[in-house]
PDB file of N, CA and C in Angstrom:
ATOM      1  N   UNK A   1     -17.779 -24.158 -15.495  1.00  0.00           N
ATOM      2  CA  UNK A   1     -17.296 -22.719 -15.867  1.00  0.00           C
ATOM      3  C   UNK A   1     -16.837 -21.895 -16.643  1.00  0.00           C
ATOM      4  N   UNK A   2     -17.167 -21.120 -17.339  1.00  0.00           N
ATOM      5  CA  UNK A   2     -16.559 -20.402 -17.859  1.00  0.00           C
ATOM      6  C   UNK A   2     -15.398 -19.618 -17.378  1.00  0.00           C
ATOM      7  N   UNK A   3     -14.195 -18.961 -18.875  1.00  0.00           N
ATOM      8  CA  UNK A   3     -12.673 -18.367 -18.460  1.00  0.00           C
ATOM      9  C   UNK A   3     -13.256 -17.338 -17.668  1.00  0.00           C
ATOM     10  N   UNK A   4     -14.359 -16.660 -17.940  1.00  0.00           N
ATOM     11  CA  UNK A   4     -14.916 -14.961 -17.256  1.00  0.00           C
ATOM     12  C   UNK A   4     -15.699 -15.202 -15.869  1.00  0.00           C
ATOM     13  N   UNK A   5     -15.852 -16.272 -15.630  1.00  0.00           N
ATOM     14  CA  UNK A   5     -16.104 -15.912 -14.046  1.00  0.00           C
ATOM     15  C   UNK A   5     -15.377 -17.057 -13.141  1.00  0.00           C
ATOM     16  N   UNK A   6     -14.353 -17.690 -14.070  1.00  0.00           N
ATOM     17  CA  UNK A   6     -13.425 -18.232 -12.819  1.00  0.00           C
ATOM     18  C   UNK A   6     -12.005 -16.921 -12.849  1.00  0.00           C
ATOM     19  N   UNK A   7     -12.392 -16.283 -13.951  1.00  0.00           N
ATOM     20  CA  UNK A   7     -10.465 -15.215 -13.738  1.00  0.00           C
ATOM     21  C   UNK A   7     -11.956 -14.111 -12.793  1.00  0.00           C
ATOM     22  N   UNK A   8     -13.058 -13.959 -12.382  1.00  0.00           N
ATOM     23  CA  UNK A   8     -13.344 -12.432 -11.379  1.00  0.00           C
ATOM     24  C   UNK A   8     -13.834 -13.699  -9.538  1.00  0.00           C
ATOM     25  N   UNK A   9     -13.482 -14.871 -10.065  1.00  0.00           N
ATOM     26  CA  UNK A   9     -13.462 -15.677  -8.842  1.00  0.00           C
ATOM     27  C   UNK A   9     -12.659 -15.465  -8.593  1.00  0.00           C
ATOM     28  N   UNK A  10     -10.751 -15.774  -9.723  1.00  0.00           N
ATOM     29  CA  UNK A  10     -10.209 -15.425  -9.048  1.00  0.00           C
ATOM     30  C   UNK A  10      -9.239 -14.605  -8.413  1.00  0.00           C
ATOM     31  N   UNK A  11      -9.920 -13.113  -8.879  1.00  0.00           N
ATOM     32  CA  UNK A  11      -9.959 -11.682  -8.544  1.00  0.00           C
ATOM     33  C   UNK A  11     -10.637 -11.596  -7.400  1.00  0.00           C
ATOM     34  N   UNK A  12     -11.566 -11.932  -7.008  1.00  0.00           N
ATOM     35  CA  UNK A  12     -11.867 -11.957  -5.403  1.00  0.00           C
ATOM     36  C   UNK A  12     -11.329 -12.720  -4.155  1.00  0.00           C
ATOM     37  N   UNK A  13     -11.339 -13.121  -5.401  1.00  0.00           N
ATOM     38  CA  UNK A  13     -10.648 -14.550  -3.985  1.00  0.00           C
ATOM     39  C   UNK A  13      -9.100 -14.165  -3.495  1.00  0.00           C
ATOM     40  N   UNK A  14      -8.017 -12.945  -4.401  1.00  0.00           N
ATOM     41  CA  UNK A  14      -7.132 -12.937  -4.551  1.00  0.00           C
ATOM     42  C   UNK A  14      -7.677 -11.716  -3.207  1.00  0.00           C
ATOM     43  N   UNK A  15      -8.380 -10.893  -3.307  1.00  0.00           N
ATOM     44  CA  UNK A  15      -8.559  -9.664  -2.780  1.00  0.00           C
ATOM     45  C   UNK A  15      -8.596  -9.694  -1.376  1.00  0.00           C
ATOM     46  N   UNK A  16      -9.954 -10.308  -1.368  1.00  0.00           N
ATOM     47  CA  UNK A  16     -10.084 -11.656  -0.151  1.00  0.00           C
ATOM     48  C   UNK A  16      -8.421 -11.886   1.221  1.00  0.00           C
ATOM     49  N   UNK A  17      -7.777 -13.325   0.405  1.00  0.00           N
ATOM     50  CA  UNK A  17      -7.191 -12.982   0.824  1.00  0.00           C
ATOM     51  C   UNK A  17      -5.550 -12.025   0.919  1.00  0.00           C
ATOM     52  N   UNK A  18      -5.595 -11.142   0.507  1.00  0.00           N
ATOM     53  CA  UNK A  18      -5.166  -9.820   0.362  1.00  0.00           C
ATOM     54  C   UNK A  18      -4.948  -9.029   1.951  1.00  0.00           C
ATOM     55  N   UNK A  19      -6.593  -9.584   2.354  1.00  0.00           N
ATOM     56  CA  UNK A  19      -7.090  -8.140   3.033  1.00  0.00           C
ATOM     57  C   UNK A  19      -6.702  -9.228   4.252  1.00  0.00           C
ATOM     58  N   UNK A  20      -7.195 -11.023   4.429  1.00  0.00           N
ATOM     59  CA  UNK A  20      -6.704 -11.735   5.093  1.00  0.00           C
ATOM     60  C   UNK A  20      -4.825 -12.347   5.850  1.00  0.00           C
ATOM     61  N   UNK A  21      -4.044 -11.678   5.140  1.00  0.00           N
ATOM     62  CA  UNK A  21      -3.304 -12.211   4.788  1.00  0.00           C
ATOM     63  C   UNK A  21      -2.238 -11.338   3.830  1.00  0.00           C
ATOM     64  N   UNK A  22      -0.664 -11.718   3.890  1.00  0.00           N
ATOM     65  CA  UNK A  22       0.274 -11.181   3.532  1.00  0.00           C
ATOM     66  C   UNK A  22      -0.371 -11.465   1.879  1.00  0.00           C
ATOM     67  N   UNK A  23      -0.147  -9.633   0.810  1.00  0.00           N
ATOM     68  CA  UNK A  23      -0.174 -10.027  -0.675  1.00  0.00           C
ATOM     69  C   UNK A  23       0.815 -10.825  -0.870  1.00  0.00           C
ATOM     70  N   UNK A  24       1.978 -11.254  -0.437  1.00  0.00           N
ATOM     71  CA  UNK A  24       2.896 -11.718  -1.007  1.00  0.00           C
ATOM     72  C   UNK A  24       2.162 -13.223  -1.490  1.00  0.00           C
ATOM     73  N   UNK A  25       1.729 -13.931  -0.197  1.00  0.00           N
ATOM     74  CA  UNK A  25       1.354 -14.535  -0.436  1.00  0.00           C
ATOM     75  C   UNK A  25      -0.536 -15.273  -0.699  1.00  0.00           C
ATOM     76  N   UNK A  26      -0.915 -14.142  -0.884  1.00  0.00           N
ATOM     77  CA  UNK A  26      -2.890 -14.415  -1.339  1.00  0.00           C
ATOM     78  C   UNK A  26      -2.529 -15.001  -2.954  1.00  0.00           C
ATOM     79  N   UNK A  27      -1.478 -14.659  -3.196  1.00  0.00           N
ATOM     80  CA  UNK A  27      -1.483 -15.674  -4.853  1.00  0.00           C
ATOM     81  C   UNK A  27      -1.359 -16.775  -4.985  1.00  0.00           C
ATOM     82  N   UNK A  28      -1.071 -16.997  -4.145  1.00  0.00           N
ATOM     83  CA  UNK A  28      -1.137 -18.377  -3.930  1.00  0.00           C
ATOM     84  C   UNK A  28      -2.075 -19.031  -3.266  1.00  0.00           C
ATOM     85  N   UNK A  29      -2.355 -18.580  -2.040  1.00  0.00           N
ATOM     86  CA  UNK A  29      -3.492 -18.888  -1.202  1.00  0.00           C
ATOM     87  C   UNK A  29      -4.756 -18.999  -2.399  1.00  0.00           C
ATOM     88  N   UNK A  30      -5.053 -17.422  -3.137  1.00  0.00           N
ATOM     89  CA  UNK A  30      -5.943 -17.829  -4.007  1.00  0.00           C
ATOM     90  C   UNK A  30      -6.011 -19.269  -5.379  1.00  0.00           C
ATOM     91  N   UNK A  31      -4.475 -19.453  -5.455  1.00  0.00           N
ATOM     92  CA  UNK A  31      -4.293 -20.337  -6.940  1.00  0.00           C
ATOM     93  C   UNK A  31      -5.147 -21.759  -6.146  1.00  0.00           C
ATOM     94  N   UNK A  32      -4.418 -22.082  -4.473  1.00  0.00           N
ATOM     95  CA  UNK A  32      -5.028 -23.052  -3.589  1.00  0.00           C
ATOM     96  C   UNK A  32      -6.836 -23.548  -3.492  1.00  0.00           C
ATOM     97  N   UNK A  33      -7.506 -22.539  -3.117  1.00  0.00           N
ATOM     98  CA  UNK A  33      -9.023 -22.438  -3.358  1.00  0.00           C
ATOM     99  C   UNK A  33      -9.456 -22.409  -4.750  1.00  0.00           C
ATOM    100  N   UNK A  34      -8.667 -21.727  -5.701  1.00  0.00           N
ATOM    101  CA  UNK A  34      -9.465 -21.612  -6.790  1.00  0.00           C
ATOM    102  C   UNK A  34      -9.649 -23.723  -6.968  1.00  0.00           C
ATOM    103  N   UNK A  35      -8.262 -24.200  -7.200  1.00  0.00           N
ATOM    104  CA  UNK A  35      -8.349 -25.303  -7.455  1.00  0.00           C
ATOM    105  C   UNK A  35      -9.474 -27.120  -6.440  1.00  0.00           C
ATOM    106  N   UNK A  36      -9.454 -25.816  -5.382  1.00  0.00           N
ATOM    107  CA  UNK A  36      -9.828 -26.641  -4.330  1.00  0.00           C
ATOM    108  C   UNK A  36     -11.548 -26.740  -5.153  1.00  0.00           C
ATOM    109  N   UNK A  37     -12.017 -26.011  -5.954  1.00  0.00           N
ATOM    110  CA  UNK A  37     -13.527 -24.748  -6.220  1.00  0.00           C
ATOM    111  C   UNK A  37     -13.778 -26.105  -6.903  1.00  0.00           C
ATOM    112  N   UNK A  38     -11.979 -25.893  -7.760  1.00  0.00           N
ATOM    113  CA  UNK A  38     -12.249 -26.447  -9.337  1.00  0.00           C
ATOM    114  C   UNK A  38     -12.263 -27.754  -9.675  1.00  0.00           C
TER     115      UNK A  38
END
């Protein structure tokens, strides 16, 4: 995957996690999700 695609995926995952969970934990959850995908 290119960096742009990864960056876009991260933004989407962060926004989804921010809606589901508290915003302060969204970044760490998104990171874990990206590590699972990549």
